[in-house]
Amino acid sequence: MTATSGPGFSLMQEGIGYAVMTETPLVIVNVMRVGPATGQATKPAQGDLMQSRWGRHGDQVIPVLAPESPQEAFELTVKAFAIAEELRVPVILLSDEIIAHMREVIELPNYESIKIPDRRKPMSIDETPFGSKDPRIAPPMPSLGEGYYVLVTGSTHNEWGYRDTRSFETHYKLLKRLWNKVWLNINRIFEYEAYHVDDADVGFVAFGSTARSVKMAVKILKEKGVKAGFVRLKTLWPLDLKPIRNLCGVCKVVIVPELSLGQLVLDVERANEGNAKVIRYGKIGGGELIYPRELVKIALEEVKS
């Protein structure tokens, strides 16, 4: 496990890509701050969403989890380790400065109840360290010193680890398997929270600290007689669009608040299918948060219009 903020995360991209190709379990915490470059250190932002998904070159996919509280930061870190160990893949915990500096009481579980899957080990020397018959299951991972000769390379390789940098078949088979072991487990990786999505006129889609403001805004709108609901994403990648699509299919207006100039909103627009009016509300810099009153004002203006 390692932790960093924006500039350090940028420097890690090559190493993360190597971990994807070598199927090395990793948990990377990125506490987002204002950029680009050194930007505004310690100021909150949510501008690393696309980088978390696509920061490495080449075709690849890794899970991205987003907590909205210290409690979830703990819980999703445990989940990140479980995914990393089971699927032999890097997992990103995408937080932001607000959550990282927040102090709240959290409820710790009985540590004996925390289940991190045991790393699959080869049962014989005939099992391949980079091949699996079931695309949903990662290949076994022998540890150093256990008597297995394993070739490890960031170049295209076959199921035994031997480099093969010219063959279409070898590369396609490898990359398709690396892709499938994440996407075919989306039902286990993807998590979200939804509130009043069946009868809302105004909807919100958010993640991280911004979702806390959304929840308060929805409560205030309810008190004012406005039917409001939200979808809050705990998993940002792989992303199941169905909850967002359902919200857009019901609401007249869907507001997407982000501490960026707009990244998550692109997914909402993709899921919308022309049903709802999608409003992007981006805010960035100076340590400014997105406050519930701002979201209430936008929603009321849209309802009146």
Protein backbone atom coordinates (compact mmCIF):
# COMPACT_ATOMS: atom_id res chain seq x y z
CA MET A 1 0.00 0.00 0.00
CA THR A 2 1.08 3.54 -0.66
CA ALA A 3 -0.54 6.96 -0.31
CA THR A 4 -0.03 10.25 -2.10
CA SER A 5 -1.75 13.30 -3.58
CA GLY A 6 -1.95 14.61 -7.14
CA PRO A 7 1.69 15.22 -8.21
CA GLY A 8 2.90 12.00 -6.56
CA PHE A 9 0.03 10.10 -8.18
CA SER A 10 1.13 11.41 -11.58
CA LEU A 11 4.63 10.09 -10.96
CA MET A 12 3.23 6.67 -10.03
CA GLN A 13 1.43 6.01 -13.31
CA GLU A 14 4.24 4.05 -14.95
CA GLY A 15 4.62 1.86 -11.88
CA ILE A 16 0.87 1.25 -11.71
CA GLY A 17 0.87 0.22 -15.36
CA TYR A 18 3.71 -2.21 -14.64
CA ALA A 19 1.70 -3.64 -11.74
CA VAL A 20 -1.27 -4.18 -14.07
CA MET A 21 0.91 -6.12 -16.51
CA THR A 22 2.70 -8.16 -13.83
CA GLU A 23 -0.57 -8.66 -11.90
CA THR A 24 0.87 -7.33 -8.67
CA PRO A 25 -1.61 -6.65 -5.83
CA LEU A 26 -1.43 -2.99 -4.75
CA VAL A 27 -3.58 -0.48 -2.89
CA ILE A 28 -2.93 3.15 -3.85
CA VAL A 29 -4.54 6.00 -1.91
CA ASN A 30 -4.82 9.25 -3.85
CA VAL A 31 -5.99 12.21 -1.78
CA MET A 32 -7.00 14.64 -4.51
CA ARG A 33 -5.93 18.27 -4.36
CA VAL A 34 -6.07 21.25 -6.68
CA GLY A 35 -3.85 21.01 -9.77
CA PRO A 36 -2.41 20.86 -12.35
CA ALA A 37 1.24 20.71 -11.22
CA THR A 38 1.71 21.89 -7.64
CA GLY A 39 -1.52 23.88 -7.93
CA GLN A 40 -2.87 24.67 -4.49
CA ALA A 41 -1.40 22.19 -2.04
CA THR A 42 -3.78 21.01 0.72
CA LYS A 43 -6.83 22.50 -1.05
CA PRO A 44 -9.66 20.08 -1.95
CA ALA A 45 -10.43 18.92 -5.47
CA GLN A 46 -11.92 16.00 -7.39
CA GLY A 47 -10.03 16.40 -10.64
CA ASP A 48 -8.22 13.04 -10.68
CA LEU A 49 -11.20 10.86 -11.61
CA MET A 50 -10.21 10.35 -15.24
CA GLN A 51 -6.54 9.98 -14.33
CA SER A 52 -7.44 7.20 -11.87
CA ARG A 53 -9.28 5.36 -14.61
CA TRP A 54 -7.04 6.02 -17.57
CA GLY A 55 -3.73 7.43 -16.30
CA ARG A 56 -1.65 4.53 -17.61
CA HIS A 57 -1.00 4.07 -21.30
CA GLY A 58 -2.45 1.10 -23.13
CA ASP A 59 -5.64 -0.86 -22.59
CA GLN A 60 -6.13 -1.57 -18.91
CA VAL A 61 -8.73 -1.35 -16.19
CA ILE A 62 -8.32 -1.15 -12.41
CA PRO A 63 -10.92 -0.66 -9.67
CA VAL A 64 -11.40 2.83 -8.19
CA LEU A 65 -13.23 3.25 -4.85
CA ALA A 66 -14.37 6.59 -3.38
CA PRO A 67 -15.20 7.10 0.33
CA GLU A 68 -17.44 9.90 1.60
CA SER A 69 -16.41 9.67 5.25
CA PRO A 70 -13.65 8.43 7.58
CA GLN A 71 -15.84 5.39 8.27
CA GLU A 72 -15.95 4.51 4.60
CA ALA A 73 -12.27 5.31 4.18
CA PHE A 74 -11.67 2.44 6.61
CA GLU A 75 -14.24 0.10 5.09
CA LEU A 76 -13.26 0.70 1.47
CA THR A 77 -9.57 0.28 2.30
CA VAL A 78 -10.40 -3.20 3.58
CA LYS A 79 -12.38 -3.85 0.40
CA ALA A 80 -9.49 -2.52 -1.72
CA PHE A 81 -7.10 -5.02 -0.15
CA ALA A 82 -9.59 -7.84 -0.69
CA ILE A 83 -10.00 -6.98 -4.40
CA ALA A 84 -6.26 -6.53 -4.90
CA GLU A 85 -5.42 -9.89 -3.35
CA GLU A 86 -8.19 -11.84 -5.04
CA LEU A 87 -7.79 -10.40 -8.55
CA ARG A 88 -4.05 -9.62 -8.47
CA VAL A 89 -4.68 -6.04 -9.53
CA PRO A 90 -3.88 -2.51 -8.32
CA VAL A 91 -6.83 -0.82 -6.61
CA ILE A 92 -7.14 2.94 -6.13
CA LEU A 93 -8.81 4.51 -3.09
CA LEU A 94 -9.75 7.94 -4.45
CA SER A 95 -10.29 10.33 -1.57
CA ASP A 96 -10.06 14.11 -1.38
CA GLU A 97 -8.57 16.61 1.04
CA ILE A 98 -11.86 17.17 2.85
CA ILE A 99 -12.26 13.51 3.76
CA ALA A 100 -8.55 13.09 4.49
CA HIS A 101 -8.51 15.92 7.04
CA MET A 102 -11.91 15.14 8.51
CA ARG A 103 -12.29 13.89 12.07
CA GLU A 104 -15.26 11.71 12.90
CA VAL A 105 -15.90 8.83 15.23
CA ILE A 106 -15.78 5.54 13.36
CA GLU A 107 -17.07 2.14 14.36
CA LEU A 108 -14.36 -0.48 14.18
CA PRO A 109 -15.44 -4.05 13.47
CA ASN A 110 -14.26 -7.13 15.24
CA TYR A 111 -10.96 -7.66 13.46
CA GLU A 112 -11.58 -11.40 13.29
CA SER A 113 -14.59 -10.63 11.08
CA ILE A 114 -12.49 -8.87 8.43
CA LYS A 115 -12.05 -11.31 5.58
CA ILE A 116 -9.18 -10.68 3.19
CA PRO A 117 -9.05 -13.56 0.69
CA ASP A 118 -5.96 -15.71 0.86
CA ARG A 119 -3.72 -15.19 -2.12
CA ARG A 120 -4.16 -18.12 -4.50
CA LYS A 121 -1.02 -20.23 -4.65
CA PRO A 122 -0.18 -22.79 -7.34
CA MET A 123 -0.99 -26.35 -6.38
CA SER A 124 1.66 -27.76 -8.70
CA ILE A 125 4.48 -26.57 -10.96
CA ASP A 126 2.17 -27.15 -13.93
CA GLU A 127 -0.08 -24.21 -13.00
CA THR A 128 0.72 -21.09 -14.99
CA PRO A 129 1.39 -17.84 -13.06
CA PHE A 130 -0.09 -15.68 -15.86
CA GLY A 131 -2.95 -17.72 -17.22
CA SER A 132 -6.43 -18.73 -16.08
CA LYS A 133 -9.12 -20.87 -17.70
CA ASP A 134 -11.86 -18.87 -15.97
CA PRO A 135 -11.57 -15.18 -17.00
CA ARG A 136 -13.14 -14.09 -13.70
CA ILE A 137 -10.40 -15.71 -11.63
CA ALA A 138 -6.83 -14.44 -11.37
CA PRO A 139 -4.03 -16.95 -11.86
CA PRO A 140 -2.18 -18.28 -8.79
CA MET A 141 0.67 -16.15 -7.46
CA PRO A 142 3.69 -17.98 -6.04
CA SER A 143 5.83 -16.14 -3.52
CA LEU A 144 9.55 -15.67 -3.92
CA GLY A 145 11.53 -18.55 -2.45
CA GLU A 146 8.79 -21.14 -2.72
CA GLY A 147 10.53 -23.15 -5.40
CA TYR A 148 8.82 -21.83 -8.54
CA TYR A 149 10.72 -20.33 -11.44
CA VAL A 150 8.63 -17.34 -12.52
CA LEU A 151 9.50 -14.89 -15.26
CA VAL A 152 8.17 -11.41 -14.49
CA THR A 153 8.13 -8.77 -17.22
CA GLY A 154 6.19 -5.67 -18.15
CA SER A 155 6.36 -6.71 -21.79
CA THR A 156 3.73 -8.83 -23.51
CA HIS A 157 4.11 -12.40 -22.26
CA ASN A 158 2.40 -15.75 -22.42
CA GLU A 159 0.87 -17.61 -19.49
CA TRP A 160 4.30 -18.76 -18.31
CA GLY A 161 5.72 -15.22 -18.35
CA TYR A 162 7.85 -15.64 -21.48
CA ARG A 163 8.12 -12.41 -23.50
CA ASP A 164 6.33 -12.40 -26.84
CA THR A 165 6.27 -8.86 -28.16
CA ARG A 166 5.31 -9.55 -31.77
CA SER A 167 2.34 -11.91 -31.66
CA PHE A 168 -1.17 -10.51 -32.03
CA GLU A 169 -2.67 -13.63 -30.47
CA THR A 170 -0.47 -13.52 -27.36
CA HIS A 171 -1.11 -9.84 -26.68
CA TYR A 172 -4.84 -10.01 -27.34
CA LYS A 173 -5.24 -13.06 -25.10
CA LEU A 174 -3.27 -11.43 -22.27
CA LEU A 175 -4.95 -8.03 -22.37
CA LYS A 176 -8.42 -9.50 -22.77
CA ARG A 177 -7.87 -11.62 -19.66
CA LEU A 178 -6.53 -8.66 -17.63
CA TRP A 179 -9.57 -6.65 -18.72
CA ASN A 180 -12.11 -9.41 -18.09
CA LYS A 181 -10.95 -10.33 -14.58
CA VAL A 182 -12.10 -6.86 -13.47
CA TRP A 183 -15.14 -6.19 -15.70
CA LEU A 184 -16.61 -9.67 -15.27
CA ASN A 185 -16.54 -9.13 -11.49
CA ILE A 186 -18.35 -5.77 -11.67
CA ASN A 187 -21.32 -7.13 -9.69
CA ARG A 188 -18.96 -7.70 -6.75
CA ILE A 189 -16.86 -4.56 -7.13
CA PHE A 190 -19.46 -1.92 -7.94
CA GLU A 191 -21.25 -0.25 -5.02
CA TYR A 192 -23.53 2.76 -4.84
CA GLU A 193 -26.08 4.40 -2.59
CA ALA A 194 -29.45 5.59 -3.86
CA TYR A 195 -32.19 7.66 -2.25
CA HIS A 196 -35.70 8.34 -3.63
CA VAL A 197 -34.73 7.62 -7.22
CA ASP A 198 -38.18 6.24 -8.13
CA ASP A 199 -40.23 9.42 -7.74
CA ALA A 200 -37.77 12.32 -7.84
CA ASP A 201 -38.21 15.35 -10.05
CA VAL A 202 -34.72 16.62 -9.26
CA GLY A 203 -31.79 14.23 -9.00
CA PHE A 204 -28.15 14.46 -8.05
CA VAL A 205 -25.17 12.26 -8.90
CA ALA A 206 -22.00 12.71 -6.82
CA PHE A 207 -19.13 11.01 -5.03
CA GLY A 208 -16.76 11.67 -2.15
CA SER A 209 -17.10 14.73 0.07
CA THR A 210 -19.45 16.46 -2.39
CA ALA A 211 -22.03 13.74 -1.77
CA ARG A 212 -22.35 14.91 1.83
CA SER A 213 -23.53 18.32 0.62
CA VAL A 214 -25.90 16.59 -1.79
CA LYS A 215 -27.53 14.64 1.04
CA MET A 216 -28.16 17.82 3.03
CA ALA A 217 -29.47 19.59 -0.07
CA VAL A 218 -31.92 16.75 -0.76
CA LYS A 219 -33.15 16.94 2.82
CA ILE A 220 -33.74 20.70 2.54
CA LEU A 221 -35.52 20.31 -0.81
CA LYS A 222 -37.81 17.69 0.68
CA GLU A 223 -38.75 20.14 3.43
CA LYS A 224 -39.57 22.68 0.73
CA GLY A 225 -41.86 20.20 -1.01
CA VAL A 226 -39.52 19.32 -3.87
CA LYS A 227 -39.19 15.66 -4.82
CA ALA A 228 -35.44 15.08 -4.82
CA GLY A 229 -33.18 12.06 -4.85
CA PHE A 230 -29.59 11.09 -5.49
CA VAL A 231 -27.18 8.41 -6.60
CA ARG A 232 -23.91 8.38 -4.71
CA LEU A 233 -21.12 6.32 -6.24
CA LYS A 234 -18.83 4.34 -3.93
CA THR A 235 -17.19 2.66 -6.93
CA LEU A 236 -16.05 4.91 -9.76
CA TRP A 237 -14.55 2.16 -11.91
CA PRO A 238 -15.68 -0.23 -13.20
CA LEU A 239 -18.86 1.78 -13.47
CA ASP A 240 -22.33 0.30 -13.86
CA LEU A 241 -24.46 2.97 -15.54
CA LYS A 242 -27.82 1.41 -14.61
CA PRO A 243 -28.41 3.36 -11.35
CA ILE A 244 -27.60 6.64 -13.11
CA ARG A 245 -29.72 5.67 -16.11
CA ASN A 246 -32.65 4.88 -13.80
CA LEU A 247 -32.34 8.26 -12.09
CA CYS A 248 -32.17 10.08 -15.42
CA GLY A 249 -35.21 8.16 -16.65
CA VAL A 250 -37.33 9.51 -13.79
CA CYS A 251 -36.03 13.02 -13.14
CA LYS A 252 -36.66 16.15 -15.14
CA VAL A 253 -33.33 17.58 -14.00
CA VAL A 254 -30.14 15.83 -12.87
CA ILE A 255 -27.46 18.00 -11.23
CA VAL A 256 -23.86 16.76 -11.12
CA PRO A 257 -21.79 18.72 -8.56
CA GLU A 258 -18.02 18.15 -8.64
CA LEU A 259 -14.92 19.81 -7.27
CA SER A 260 -13.64 19.96 -10.84
CA LEU A 261 -14.72 21.48 -14.12
CA GLY A 262 -16.62 18.31 -14.94
CA GLN A 263 -15.56 14.67 -15.23
CA LEU A 264 -18.26 12.51 -13.63
CA VAL A 265 -20.83 14.54 -15.55
CA LEU A 266 -19.59 12.90 -18.76
CA ASP A 267 -20.77 9.53 -17.44
CA VAL A 268 -24.14 11.00 -16.50
CA GLU A 269 -24.55 12.49 -19.97
CA ARG A 270 -23.64 9.11 -21.45
CA ALA A 271 -26.23 7.34 -19.29
CA ASN A 272 -28.94 9.93 -19.79
CA GLU A 273 -30.19 8.86 -23.23
CA GLY A 274 -31.81 12.27 -23.64
CA ASN A 275 -34.41 11.91 -20.89
CA ALA A 276 -33.35 14.50 -18.32
CA LYS A 277 -31.73 17.90 -18.40
CA VAL A 278 -28.19 17.33 -17.09
CA ILE A 279 -26.61 20.28 -15.30
CA ARG A 280 -22.91 20.30 -14.52
CA TYR A 281 -21.89 22.30 -11.48
CA GLY A 282 -18.14 22.49 -11.17
CA LYS A 283 -16.23 24.39 -8.54
CA ILE A 284 -12.49 24.42 -8.03
CA GLY A 285 -9.77 26.29 -6.18
CA GLY A 286 -9.17 28.34 -3.07
CA GLY A 287 -10.37 25.68 -0.67
CA GLU A 288 -13.99 26.35 -1.60
CA LEU A 289 -16.42 23.54 -0.92
CA ILE A 290 -19.72 22.91 -2.66
CA TYR A 291 -22.30 23.95 -0.08
CA PRO A 292 -25.84 22.53 0.21
CA ARG A 293 -27.34 26.01 -0.21
CA GLU A 294 -25.77 26.29 -3.68
CA LEU A 295 -27.33 23.03 -4.78
CA VAL A 296 -30.72 23.94 -3.29
CA LYS A 297 -30.67 27.24 -5.21
CA ILE A 298 -29.92 25.54 -8.53
CA ALA A 299 -32.62 22.93 -7.95
CA LEU A 300 -35.29 25.50 -7.01
CA GLU A 301 -34.48 27.61 -10.07
CA GLU A 302 -34.88 24.59 -12.31
CA VAL A 303 -38.17 23.58 -10.68
CA LYS A 304 -39.58 27.09 -11.17
CA SER A 305 -38.53 27.20 -14.80
